Amino acid sequence: MKDMFRIDGKVAVVVGGAGGIGESCALALADRGAQVVVADLAAAASKLDEVCKKVASEKNVAPERIEMFLAKSPLKRLAVVEDIAGACVYLACPASDFVTGQILYVDGGLTAIA
């Protein structure tokens, strides 16, 4: 029987993910197979990096893979809240009214070099 609670291939955005319930949710979603995006307006970027590394560790992603990602990424950093927020504002406001059926990659240019 198929596991009804697997979410492999899904992307979960967890706000308030730098600690407490948000961090727990991020870890639980990652455990169930989701790719997790962690955001927290009140947290420093270093704390978000720490949570991302913890999620990666829970999914058995070696720290070297994160470092490899950072080395390959044109911007040489993980995303911060403002990076994601700009895309959200654009998609939510009238400036995007004529945009349909598109994928907006907010990945620091990683898909451009892949």
PDB file of N, CA and C in Angstrom:
ATOM      1  N   MET A   1       0.827  -1.172   0.000  1.00  0.00           N
ATOM      2  CA  MET A   1       0.000   0.000   0.000  1.00  0.00           C
ATOM      3  C   MET A   1       0.879   1.246   0.000  1.00  0.00           C
ATOM      4  N   LYS A   2       0.496   2.221  -0.793  1.00  0.00           N
ATOM      5  CA  LYS A   2       1.250   3.467  -0.912  1.00  0.00           C
ATOM      6  C   LYS A   2       1.171   4.267   0.393  1.00  0.00           C
ATOM      7  N   ASP A   3       2.298   4.815   0.813  1.00  0.00           N
ATOM      8  CA  ASP A   3       2.343   5.650   2.018  1.00  0.00           C
ATOM      9  C   ASP A   3       1.639   6.968   1.727  1.00  0.00           C
ATOM     10  N   MET A   4       0.493   7.187   2.337  1.00  0.00           N
ATOM     11  CA  MET A   4      -0.331   8.363   2.076  1.00  0.00           C
ATOM     12  C   MET A   4       0.288   9.659   2.591  1.00  0.00           C
ATOM     13  N   PHE A   5       1.325   9.551   3.392  1.00  0.00           N
ATOM     14  CA  PHE A   5       1.911  10.742   3.970  1.00  0.00           C
ATOM     15  C   PHE A   5       3.286  11.078   3.391  1.00  0.00           C
ATOM     16  N   ARG A   6       3.656  10.445   2.291  1.00  0.00           N
ATOM     17  CA  ARG A   6       4.901  10.802   1.601  1.00  0.00           C
ATOM     18  C   ARG A   6       4.624  12.009   0.725  1.00  0.00           C
ATOM     19  N   ILE A   7       5.543  12.932   0.694  1.00  0.00           N
ATOM     20  CA  ILE A   7       5.380  14.117  -0.147  1.00  0.00           C
ATOM     21  C   ILE A   7       6.622  14.330  -1.014  1.00  0.00           C
ATOM     22  N   ASP A   8       7.163  13.212  -1.482  1.00  0.00           N
ATOM     23  CA  ASP A   8       8.337  13.281  -2.356  1.00  0.00           C
ATOM     24  C   ASP A   8       8.026  14.140  -3.580  1.00  0.00           C
ATOM     25  N   GLY A   9       8.993  14.964  -3.957  1.00  0.00           N
ATOM     26  CA  GLY A   9       8.836  15.804  -5.131  1.00  0.00           C
ATOM     27  C   GLY A   9       8.064  17.081  -4.880  1.00  0.00           C
ATOM     28  N   LYS A  10       7.534  17.274  -3.698  1.00  0.00           N
ATOM     29  CA  LYS A  10       6.812  18.496  -3.355  1.00  0.00           C
ATOM     30  C   LYS A  10       7.775  19.484  -2.730  1.00  0.00           C
ATOM     31  N   VAL A  11       7.448  20.767  -2.854  1.00  0.00           N
ATOM     32  CA  VAL A  11       8.234  21.815  -2.226  1.00  0.00           C
ATOM     33  C   VAL A  11       7.391  22.428  -1.118  1.00  0.00           C
ATOM     34  N   ALA A  12       7.966  22.530   0.068  1.00  0.00           N
ATOM     35  CA  ALA A  12       7.283  23.132   1.208  1.00  0.00           C
ATOM     36  C   ALA A  12       8.000  24.414   1.590  1.00  0.00           C
ATOM     37  N   VAL A  13       7.242  25.493   1.739  1.00  0.00           N
ATOM     38  CA  VAL A  13       7.788  26.758   2.212  1.00  0.00           C
ATOM     39  C   VAL A  13       7.374  26.896   3.669  1.00  0.00           C
ATOM     40  N   VAL A  14       8.357  26.994   4.555  1.00  0.00           N
ATOM     41  CA  VAL A  14       8.087  27.101   5.990  1.00  0.00           C
ATOM     42  C   VAL A  14       8.527  28.482   6.448  1.00  0.00           C
ATOM     43  N   VAL A  15       7.547  29.270   6.886  1.00  0.00           N
ATOM     44  CA  VAL A  15       7.875  30.585   7.435  1.00  0.00           C
ATOM     45  C   VAL A  15       8.020  30.446   8.945  1.00  0.00           C
ATOM     46  N   GLY A  16       8.874  31.288   9.509  1.00  0.00           N
ATOM     47  CA  GLY A  16       9.159  31.152  10.931  1.00  0.00           C
ATOM     48  C   GLY A  16       9.977  29.907  11.209  1.00  0.00           C
ATOM     49  N   GLY A  17      10.775  29.513  10.222  1.00  0.00           N
ATOM     50  CA  GLY A  17      11.469  28.236  10.297  1.00  0.00           C
ATOM     51  C   GLY A  17      12.799  28.232  11.009  1.00  0.00           C
ATOM     52  N   ALA A  18      13.202  29.361  11.599  1.00  0.00           N
ATOM     53  CA  ALA A  18      14.510  29.398  12.252  1.00  0.00           C
ATOM     54  C   ALA A  18      14.489  28.790  13.639  1.00  0.00           C
ATOM     55  N   GLY A  19      13.317  28.486  14.151  1.00  0.00           N
ATOM     56  CA  GLY A  19      13.253  27.895  15.478  1.00  0.00           C
ATOM     57  C   GLY A  19      11.846  27.450  15.820  1.00  0.00           C
ATOM     58  N   GLY A  20      11.721  26.789  16.944  1.00  0.00           N
ATOM     59  CA  GLY A  20      10.419  26.396  17.463  1.00  0.00           C
ATOM     60  C   GLY A  20       9.621  25.521  16.522  1.00  0.00           C
ATOM     61  N   ILE A  21       8.319  25.844  16.423  1.00  0.00           N
ATOM     62  CA  ILE A  21       7.407  25.050  15.603  1.00  0.00           C
ATOM     63  C   ILE A  21       7.827  25.058  14.135  1.00  0.00           C
ATOM     64  N   GLY A  22       8.254  26.216  13.636  1.00  0.00           N
ATOM     65  CA  GLY A  22       8.658  26.309  12.233  1.00  0.00           C
ATOM     66  C   GLY A  22       9.816  25.389  11.901  1.00  0.00           C
ATOM     67  N   GLU A  23      10.820  25.369  12.771  1.00  0.00           N
ATOM     68  CA  GLU A  23      11.972  24.487  12.554  1.00  0.00           C
ATOM     69  C   GLU A  23      11.532  23.026  12.610  1.00  0.00           C
ATOM     70  N   SER A  24      10.666  22.703  13.570  1.00  0.00           N
ATOM     71  CA  SER A  24      10.165  21.331  13.684  1.00  0.00           C
ATOM     72  C   SER A  24       9.390  20.926  12.436  1.00  0.00           C
ATOM     73  N   CYS A  25       8.576  21.850  11.925  1.00  0.00           N
ATOM     74  CA  CYS A  25       7.815  21.569  10.700  1.00  0.00           C
ATOM     75  C   CYS A  25       8.758  21.337   9.526  1.00  0.00           C
ATOM     76  N   ALA A  26       9.777  22.184   9.404  1.00  0.00           N
ATOM     77  CA  ALA A  26      10.735  22.032   8.307  1.00  0.00           C
ATOM     78  C   ALA A  26      11.395  20.662   8.347  1.00  0.00           C
ATOM     79  N   LEU A  27      11.805  20.235   9.542  1.00  0.00           N
ATOM     80  CA  LEU A  27      12.452  18.930   9.677  1.00  0.00           C
ATOM     81  C   LEU A  27      11.477  17.796   9.375  1.00  0.00           C
ATOM     82  N   ALA A  28      10.235  17.931   9.842  1.00  0.00           N
ATOM     83  CA  ALA A  28       9.236  16.884   9.606  1.00  0.00           C
ATOM     84  C   ALA A  28       8.895  16.781   8.125  1.00  0.00           C
ATOM     85  N   LEU A  29       8.748  17.904   7.460  1.00  0.00           N
ATOM     86  CA  LEU A  29       8.442  17.889   6.024  1.00  0.00           C
ATOM     87  C   LEU A  29       9.590  17.273   5.230  1.00  0.00           C
ATOM     88  N   ALA A  30      10.814  17.624   5.612  1.00  0.00           N
ATOM     89  CA  ALA A  30      11.976  17.041   4.940  1.00  0.00           C
ATOM     90  C   ALA A  30      12.013  15.538   5.148  1.00  0.00           C
ATOM     91  N   ASP A  31      11.664  15.100   6.349  1.00  0.00           N
ATOM     92  CA  ASP A  31      11.641  13.678   6.657  1.00  0.00           C
ATOM     93  C   ASP A  31      10.621  12.927   5.803  1.00  0.00           C
ATOM     94  N   ARG A  32       9.543  13.596   5.426  1.00  0.00           N
ATOM     95  CA  ARG A  32       8.503  12.966   4.611  1.00  0.00           C
ATOM     96  C   ARG A  32       8.791  13.098   3.121  1.00  0.00           C
ATOM     97  N   GLY A  33       9.929  13.710   2.755  1.00  0.00           N
ATOM     98  CA  GLY A  33      10.335  13.721   1.361  1.00  0.00           C
ATOM     99  C   GLY A  33      10.274  15.051   0.644  1.00  0.00           C
ATOM    100  N   ALA A  34       9.788  16.092   1.303  1.00  0.00           N
ATOM    101  CA  ALA A  34       9.667  17.397   0.641  1.00  0.00           C
ATOM    102  C   ALA A  34      11.016  18.092   0.531  1.00  0.00           C
ATOM    103  N   GLN A  35      11.128  18.917  -0.488  1.00  0.00           N
ATOM    104  CA  GLN A  35      12.227  19.872  -0.563  1.00  0.00           C
ATOM    105  C   GLN A  35      11.739  21.075   0.226  1.00  0.00           C
ATOM    106  N   VAL A  36      12.511  21.545   1.193  1.00  0.00           N
ATOM    107  CA  VAL A  36      12.040  22.555   2.128  1.00  0.00           C
ATOM    108  C   VAL A  36      12.759  23.876   1.901  1.00  0.00           C
ATOM    109  N   VAL A  37      11.957  24.948   1.807  1.00  0.00           N
ATOM    110  CA  VAL A  37      12.466  26.317   1.775  1.00  0.00           C
ATOM    111  C   VAL A  37      12.140  26.909   3.137  1.00  0.00           C
ATOM    112  N   VAL A  38      13.157  27.404   3.832  1.00  0.00           N
ATOM    113  CA  VAL A  38      12.970  27.940   5.175  1.00  0.00           C
ATOM    114  C   VAL A  38      13.125  29.455   5.131  1.00  0.00           C
ATOM    115  N   ALA A  39      12.139  30.173   5.703  1.00  0.00           N
ATOM    116  CA  ALA A  39      12.194  31.627   5.777  1.00  0.00           C
ATOM    117  C   ALA A  39      11.811  32.068   7.182  1.00  0.00           C
ATOM    118  N   ASP A  40      12.429  33.157   7.642  1.00  0.00           N
ATOM    119  CA  ASP A  40      12.080  33.704   8.944  1.00  0.00           C
ATOM    120  C   ASP A  40      12.525  35.164   8.973  1.00  0.00           C
ATOM    121  N   LEU A  41      11.562  36.068   9.054  1.00  0.00           N
ATOM    122  CA  LEU A  41      11.873  37.495   9.031  1.00  0.00           C
ATOM    123  C   LEU A  41      12.703  37.940  10.225  1.00  0.00           C
ATOM    124  N   ALA A  42      12.531  37.278  11.352  1.00  0.00           N
ATOM    125  CA  ALA A  42      13.205  37.701  12.572  1.00  0.00           C
ATOM    126  C   ALA A  42      14.582  37.078  12.748  1.00  0.00           C
ATOM    127  N   ALA A  43      14.970  36.170  11.887  1.00  0.00           N
ATOM    128  CA  ALA A  43      16.231  35.449  12.074  1.00  0.00           C
ATOM    129  C   ALA A  43      17.347  36.033  11.219  1.00  0.00           C
ATOM    130  N   ALA A  44      18.533  35.924  11.724  1.00  0.00           N
ATOM    131  CA  ALA A  44      19.713  36.303  10.950  1.00  0.00           C
ATOM    132  C   ALA A  44      19.969  35.246   9.884  1.00  0.00           C
ATOM    133  N   ALA A  45      20.609  35.667   8.800  1.00  0.00           N
ATOM    134  CA  ALA A  45      20.904  34.730   7.712  1.00  0.00           C
ATOM    135  C   ALA A  45      21.703  33.538   8.216  1.00  0.00           C
ATOM    136  N   SER A  46      22.594  33.756   9.167  1.00  0.00           N
ATOM    137  CA  SER A  46      23.403  32.650   9.687  1.00  0.00           C
ATOM    138  C   SER A  46      22.531  31.606  10.380  1.00  0.00           C
ATOM    139  N   LYS A  47      21.461  32.035  11.051  1.00  0.00           N
ATOM    140  CA  LYS A  47      20.559  31.083  11.706  1.00  0.00           C
ATOM    141  C   LYS A  47      19.806  30.278  10.656  1.00  0.00           C
ATOM    142  N   LEU A  48      19.374  30.934   9.569  1.00  0.00           N
ATOM    143  CA  LEU A  48      18.689  30.204   8.496  1.00  0.00           C
ATOM    144  C   LEU A  48      19.625  29.202   7.848  1.00  0.00           C
ATOM    145  N   ASP A  49      20.879  29.581   7.637  1.00  0.00           N
ATOM    146  CA  ASP A  49      21.861  28.641   7.101  1.00  0.00           C
ATOM    147  C   ASP A  49      21.986  27.431   8.021  1.00  0.00           C
ATOM    148  N   GLU A  50      21.979  27.693   9.331  1.00  0.00           N
ATOM    149  CA  GLU A  50      22.086  26.610  10.315  1.00  0.00           C
ATOM    150  C   GLU A  50      20.896  25.650  10.196  1.00  0.00           C
ATOM    151  N   VAL A  51      19.687  26.202  10.063  1.00  0.00           N
ATOM    152  CA  VAL A  51      18.494  25.357   9.931  1.00  0.00           C
ATOM    153  C   VAL A  51      18.552  24.575   8.629  1.00  0.00           C
ATOM    154  N   CYS A  52      18.954  25.233   7.533  1.00  0.00           N
ATOM    155  CA  CYS A  52      19.059  24.535   6.243  1.00  0.00           C
ATOM    156  C   CYS A  52      20.053  23.385   6.331  1.00  0.00           C
ATOM    157  N   LYS A  53      21.161  23.612   6.996  1.00  0.00           N
ATOM    158  CA  LYS A  53      22.159  22.552   7.150  1.00  0.00           C
ATOM    159  C   LYS A  53      21.618  21.419   8.023  1.00  0.00           C
ATOM    160  N   LYS A  54      20.796  21.781   9.028  1.00  0.00           N
ATOM    161  CA  LYS A  54      20.193  20.752   9.874  1.00  0.00           C
ATOM    162  C   LYS A  54      19.206  19.914   9.065  1.00  0.00           C
ATOM    163  N   VAL A  55      18.384  20.584   8.242  1.00  0.00           N
ATOM    164  CA  VAL A  55      17.452  19.855   7.375  1.00  0.00           C
ATOM    165  C   VAL A  55      18.230  18.942   6.442  1.00  0.00           C
ATOM    166  N   ALA A  56      19.313  19.454   5.856  1.00  0.00           N
ATOM    167  CA  ALA A  56      20.133  18.648   4.963  1.00  0.00           C
ATOM    168  C   ALA A  56      20.715  17.450   5.701  1.00  0.00           C
ATOM    169  N   SER A  57      21.124  17.667   6.940  1.00  0.00           N
ATOM    170  CA  SER A  57      21.686  16.574   7.728  1.00  0.00           C
ATOM    171  C   SER A  57      20.635  15.512   8.023  1.00  0.00           C
ATOM    172  N   GLU A  58      19.395  15.956   8.303  1.00  0.00           N
ATOM    173  CA  GLU A  58      18.307  15.006   8.551  1.00  0.00           C
ATOM    174  C   GLU A  58      18.004  14.182   7.307  1.00  0.00           C
ATOM    175  N   LYS A  59      18.201  14.762   6.136  1.00  0.00           N
ATOM    176  CA  LYS A  59      17.939  14.047   4.885  1.00  0.00           C
ATOM    177  C   LYS A  59      19.209  13.347   4.387  1.00  0.00           C
ATOM    178  N   ASN A  60      20.212  13.257   5.254  1.00  0.00           N
ATOM    179  CA  ASN A  60      21.486  12.617   4.930  1.00  0.00           C
ATOM    180  C   ASN A  60      22.206  13.287   3.770  1.00  0.00           C
ATOM    181  N   VAL A  61      22.078  14.602   3.686  1.00  0.00           N
ATOM    182  CA  VAL A  61      22.835  15.371   2.697  1.00  0.00           C
ATOM    183  C   VAL A  61      24.126  15.805   3.385  1.00  0.00           C
ATOM    184  N   ALA A  62      25.218  15.395   2.852  1.00  0.00           N
ATOM    185  CA  ALA A  62      26.510  15.706   3.464  1.00  0.00           C
ATOM    186  C   ALA A  62      26.769  17.211   3.414  1.00  0.00           C
ATOM    187  N   PRO A  63      27.371  17.762   4.472  1.00  0.00           N
ATOM    188  CA  PRO A  63      27.707  19.196   4.475  1.00  0.00           C
ATOM    189  C   PRO A  63      28.532  19.599   3.257  1.00  0.00           C
ATOM    190  N   GLU A  64      29.313  18.651   2.732  1.00  0.00           N
ATOM    191  CA  GLU A  64      30.119  18.947   1.548  1.00  0.00           C
ATOM    192  C   GLU A  64      29.224  19.299   0.342  1.00  0.00           C
ATOM    193  N   ARG A  65      28.021  18.695   0.287  1.00  0.00           N
ATOM    194  CA  ARG A  65      27.092  18.993  -0.809  1.00  0.00           C
ATOM    195  C   ARG A  65      26.606  20.431  -0.738  1.00  0.00           C
ATOM    196  N   ILE A  66      26.379  20.914   0.495  1.00  0.00           N
ATOM    197  CA  ILE A  66      25.976  22.312   0.647  1.00  0.00           C
ATOM    198  C   ILE A  66      27.115  23.214   0.206  1.00  0.00           C
ATOM    199  N   GLU A  67      28.319  22.875   0.637  1.00  0.00           N
ATOM    200  CA  GLU A  67      29.481  23.669   0.226  1.00  0.00           C
ATOM    201  C   GLU A  67      29.664  23.613  -1.296  1.00  0.00           C
ATOM    202  N   MET A  68      29.402  22.448  -1.899  1.00  0.00           N
ATOM    203  CA  MET A  68      29.492  22.314  -3.346  1.00  0.00           C
ATOM    204  C   MET A  68      28.441  23.202  -4.024  1.00  0.00           C
ATOM    205  N   PHE A  69      27.222  23.220  -3.465  1.00  0.00           N
ATOM    206  CA  PHE A  69      26.180  24.091  -3.989  1.00  0.00           C
ATOM    207  C   PHE A  69      26.626  25.549  -3.936  1.00  0.00           C
ATOM    208  N   LEU A  70      27.168  25.957  -2.781  1.00  0.00           N
ATOM    209  CA  LEU A  70      27.612  27.339  -2.635  1.00  0.00           C
ATOM    210  C   LEU A  70      28.733  27.664  -3.616  1.00  0.00           C
ATOM    211  N   ALA A  71      29.608  26.714  -3.867  1.00  0.00           N
ATOM    212  CA  ALA A  71      30.712  26.936  -4.803  1.00  0.00           C
ATOM    213  C   ALA A  71      30.201  27.080  -6.235  1.00  0.00           C
ATOM    214  N   LYS A  72      29.158  26.314  -6.601  1.00  0.00           N
ATOM    215  CA  LYS A  72      28.624  26.366  -7.958  1.00  0.00           C
ATOM    216  C   LYS A  72      27.668  27.532  -8.182  1.00  0.00           C
ATOM    217  N   SER A  73      27.027  27.979  -7.117  1.00  0.00           N
ATOM    218  CA  SER A  73      26.033  29.042  -7.232  1.00  0.00           C
ATOM    219  C   SER A  73      26.687  30.345  -7.656  1.00  0.00           C
ATOM    220  N   PRO A  74      26.158  30.998  -8.687  1.00  0.00           N
ATOM    221  CA  PRO A  74      26.742  32.265  -9.124  1.00  0.00           C
ATOM    222  C   PRO A  74      26.822  33.313  -8.014  1.00  0.00           C
ATOM    223  N   LEU A  75      25.878  33.304  -7.077  1.00  0.00           N
ATOM    224  CA  LEU A  75      25.893  34.302  -6.008  1.00  0.00           C
ATOM    225  C   LEU A  75      26.675  33.852  -4.775  1.00  0.00           C
ATOM    226  N   LYS A  76      27.089  32.586  -4.745  1.00  0.00           N
ATOM    227  CA  LYS A  76      27.923  32.042  -3.664  1.00  0.00           C
ATOM    228  C   LYS A  76      27.298  32.181  -2.277  1.00  0.00           C
ATOM    229  N   ARG A  77      25.960  32.065  -2.206  1.00  0.00           N
ATOM    230  CA  ARG A  77      25.287  32.137  -0.914  1.00  0.00           C
ATOM    231  C   ARG A  77      23.937  31.448  -1.002  1.00  0.00           C
ATOM    232  N   LEU A  78      23.392  31.109   0.166  1.00  0.00           N
ATOM    233  CA  LEU A  78      22.031  30.606   0.224  1.00  0.00           C
ATOM    234  C   LEU A  78      21.076  31.790   0.148  1.00  0.00           C
ATOM    235  N   ALA A  79      19.847  31.529  -0.176  1.00  0.00           N
ATOM    236  CA  ALA A  79      18.849  32.590  -0.259  1.00  0.00           C
ATOM    237  C   ALA A  79      18.521  33.131   1.123  1.00  0.00           C
ATOM    238  N   VAL A  80      18.136  34.401   1.147  1.00  0.00           N
ATOM    239  CA  VAL A  80      17.622  35.027   2.368  1.00  0.00           C
ATOM    240  C   VAL A  80      16.163  35.399   2.113  1.00  0.00           C
ATOM    241  N   VAL A  81      15.471  35.762   3.151  1.00  0.00           N
ATOM    242  CA  VAL A  81      14.040  36.044   3.076  1.00  0.00           C
ATOM    243  C   VAL A  81      13.718  37.046   1.974  1.00  0.00           C
ATOM    244  N   GLU A  82      14.498  38.096   1.874  1.00  0.00           N
ATOM    245  CA  GLU A  82      14.220  39.137   0.886  1.00  0.00           C
ATOM    246  C   GLU A  82      14.282  38.597  -0.542  1.00  0.00           C
ATOM    247  N   ASP A  83      15.107  37.596  -0.785  1.00  0.00           N
ATOM    248  CA  ASP A  83      15.202  36.992  -2.120  1.00  0.00           C
ATOM    249  C   ASP A  83      13.872  36.367  -2.525  1.00  0.00           C
ATOM    250  N   ILE A  84      13.279  35.639  -1.616  1.00  0.00           N
ATOM    251  CA  ILE A  84      12.010  34.972  -1.881  1.00  0.00           C
ATOM    252  C   ILE A  84      10.867  35.983  -1.856  1.00  0.00           C
ATOM    253  N   ALA A  85      10.928  36.932  -0.924  1.00  0.00           N
ATOM    254  CA  ALA A  85       9.860  37.921  -0.766  1.00  0.00           C
ATOM    255  C   ALA A  85       9.651  38.736  -2.039  1.00  0.00           C
ATOM    256  N   GLY A  86      10.727  39.099  -2.718  1.00  0.00           N
ATOM    257  CA  GLY A  86      10.594  39.878  -3.949  1.00  0.00           C
ATOM    258  C   GLY A  86       9.789  39.133  -5.005  1.00  0.00           C
ATOM    259  N   ALA A  87      10.041  37.852  -5.141  1.00  0.00           N
ATOM    260  CA  ALA A  87       9.295  37.043  -6.104  1.00  0.00           C
ATOM    261  C   ALA A  87       7.837  36.925  -5.690  1.00  0.00           C
ATOM    262  N   CYS A  88       7.593  36.746  -4.394  1.00  0.00           N
ATOM    263  CA  CYS A  88       6.212  36.640  -3.903  1.00  0.00           C
ATOM    264  C   CYS A  88       5.447  37.928  -4.160  1.00  0.00           C
ATOM    265  N   VAL A  89       6.062  39.063  -3.885  1.00  0.00           N
ATOM    266  CA  VAL A  89       5.407  40.354  -4.112  1.00  0.00           C
ATOM    267  C   VAL A  89       5.099  40.527  -5.590  1.00  0.00           C
ATOM    268  N   TYR A  90       6.059  40.209  -6.441  1.00  0.00           N
ATOM    269  CA  TYR A  90       5.840  40.325  -7.880  1.00  0.00           C
ATOM    270  C   TYR A  90       4.642  39.487  -8.329  1.00  0.00           C
ATOM    271  N   LEU A  91       4.583  38.248  -7.909  1.00  0.00           N
ATOM    272  CA  LEU A  91       3.504  37.363  -8.332  1.00  0.00           C
ATOM    273  C   LEU A  91       2.153  37.756  -7.731  1.00  0.00           C
ATOM    274  N   ALA A  92       2.170  38.424  -6.602  1.00  0.00           N
ATOM    275  CA  ALA A  92       0.922  38.813  -5.937  1.00  0.00           C
ATOM    276  C   ALA A  92       0.392  40.164  -6.394  1.00  0.00           C
ATOM    277  N   CYS A  93       1.216  40.951  -7.068  1.00  0.00           N
ATOM    278  CA  CYS A  93       0.790  42.306  -7.419  1.00  0.00           C
ATOM    279  C   CYS A  93       0.386  42.401  -8.890  1.00  0.00           C
ATOM    280  N   PRO A  94      -0.265  43.499  -9.272  1.00  0.00           N
ATOM    281  CA  PRO A  94      -0.729  43.670 -10.658  1.00  0.00           C
ATOM    282  C   PRO A  94       0.387  43.634 -11.712  1.00  0.00           C
ATOM    283  N   ALA A  95       1.632  43.837 -11.299  1.00  0.00           N
ATOM    284  CA  ALA A  95       2.732  43.805 -12.265  1.00  0.00           C
ATOM    285  C   ALA A  95       2.831  42.459 -12.978  1.00  0.00           C
ATOM    286  N   SER A  96       2.292  41.407 -12.374  1.00  0.00           N
ATOM    287  CA  SER A  96       2.375  40.074 -12.975  1.00  0.00           C
ATOM    288  C   SER A  96       1.041  39.613 -13.564  1.00  0.00           C
ATOM    289  N   ASP A  97       0.076  40.515 -13.717  1.00  0.00           N
ATOM    290  CA  ASP A  97      -1.259  40.125 -14.201  1.00  0.00           C
ATOM    291  C   ASP A  97      -1.243  39.404 -15.542  1.00  0.00           C
ATOM    292  N   PHE A  98      -0.304  39.714 -16.408  1.00  0.00           N
ATOM    293  CA  PHE A  98      -0.279  39.120 -17.733  1.00  0.00           C
ATOM    294  C   PHE A  98       0.678  37.930 -17.821  1.00  0.00           C
ATOM    295  N   VAL A  99       1.220  37.515 -16.684  1.00  0.00           N
ATOM    296  CA  VAL A  99       2.135  36.383 -16.620  1.00  0.00           C
ATOM    297  C   VAL A  99       1.319  35.136 -16.290  1.00  0.00           C
ATOM    298  N   THR A 100       1.363  34.150 -17.186  1.00  0.00           N
ATOM    299  CA  THR A 100       0.624  32.906 -16.951  1.00  0.00           C
ATOM    300  C   THR A 100       1.511  31.713 -17.281  1.00  0.00           C
ATOM    301  N   GLY A 101       1.335  30.646 -16.543  1.00  0.00           N
ATOM    302  CA  GLY A 101       1.997  29.382 -16.850  1.00  0.00           C
ATOM    303  C   GLY A 101       3.511  29.436 -16.858  1.00  0.00           C
ATOM    304  N   GLN A 102       4.095  30.244 -16.002  1.00  0.00           N
ATOM    305  CA  GLN A 102       5.543  30.372 -15.962  1.00  0.00           C
ATOM    306  C   GLN A 102       6.098  29.825 -14.660  1.00  0.00           C
ATOM    307  N   ILE A 103       7.345  29.443 -14.703  1.00  0.00           N
ATOM    308  CA  ILE A 103       8.062  29.060 -13.489  1.00  0.00           C
ATOM    309  C   ILE A 103       9.093  30.151 -13.237  1.00  0.00           C
ATOM    310  N   LEU A 104       9.022  30.721 -12.069  1.00  0.00           N
ATOM    311  CA  LEU A 104       9.963  31.767 -11.678  1.00  0.00           C
ATOM    312  C   LEU A 104      11.002  31.146 -10.765  1.00  0.00           C
ATOM    313  N   TYR A 105      12.177  30.931 -11.292  1.00  0.00           N
ATOM    314  CA  TYR A 105      13.241  30.324 -10.500  1.00  0.00           C
ATOM    315  C   TYR A 105      13.919  31.397  -9.652  1.00  0.00           C
ATOM    316  N   VAL A 106      13.856  31.249  -8.353  1.00  0.00           N
ATOM    317  CA  VAL A 106      14.536  32.133  -7.430  1.00  0.00           C
ATOM    318  C   VAL A 106      15.647  31.302  -6.796  1.00  0.00           C
ATOM    319  N   ASP A 107      16.721  31.136  -7.571  1.00  0.00           N
ATOM    320  CA  ASP A 107      17.767  30.199  -7.151  1.00  0.00           C
ATOM    321  C   ASP A 107      19.173  30.782  -7.283  1.00  0.00           C
ATOM    322  N   GLY A 108      19.266  32.097  -7.365  1.00  0.00           N
ATOM    323  CA  GLY A 108      20.580  32.718  -7.438  1.00  0.00           C
ATOM    324  C   GLY A 108      21.328  32.422  -8.724  1.00  0.00           C
ATOM    325  N   GLY A 109      20.639  32.017  -9.763  1.00  0.00           N
ATOM    326  CA  GLY A 109      21.270  31.748 -11.056  1.00  0.00           C
ATOM    327  C   GLY A 109      21.717  30.318 -11.257  1.00  0.00           C
ATOM    328  N   LEU A 110      21.422  29.440 -10.307  1.00  0.00           N
ATOM    329  CA  LEU A 110      21.901  28.059 -10.397  1.00  0.00           C
ATOM    330  C   LEU A 110      21.344  27.334 -11.622  1.00  0.00           C
ATOM    331  N   THR A 111      20.066  27.530 -11.940  1.00  0.00           N
ATOM    332  CA  THR A 111      19.510  26.842 -13.102  1.00  0.00           C
ATOM    333  C   THR A 111      20.076  27.374 -14.413  1.00  0.00           C
ATOM    334  N   ALA A 112      20.572  28.592 -14.399  1.00  0.00           N
ATOM    335  CA  ALA A 112      21.144  29.170 -15.621  1.00  0.00           C
ATOM    336  C   ALA A 112      22.454  28.491 -16.006  1.00  0.00           C
ATOM    337  N   ILE A 113      23.145  27.923 -15.030  1.00  0.00           N
ATOM    338  CA  ILE A 113      24.430  27.280 -15.336  1.00  0.00           C
ATOM    339  C   ILE A 113      24.337  25.773 -15.364  1.00  0.00           C
ATOM    340  N   ALA A 114      23.159  25.234 -15.003  1.00  0.00           N
ATOM    341  CA  ALA A 114      22.999  23.776 -14.947  1.00  0.00           C
ATOM    342  C   ALA A 114      22.911  23.170 -16.332  1.00  0.00           C
TER     343      ALA A 114
END
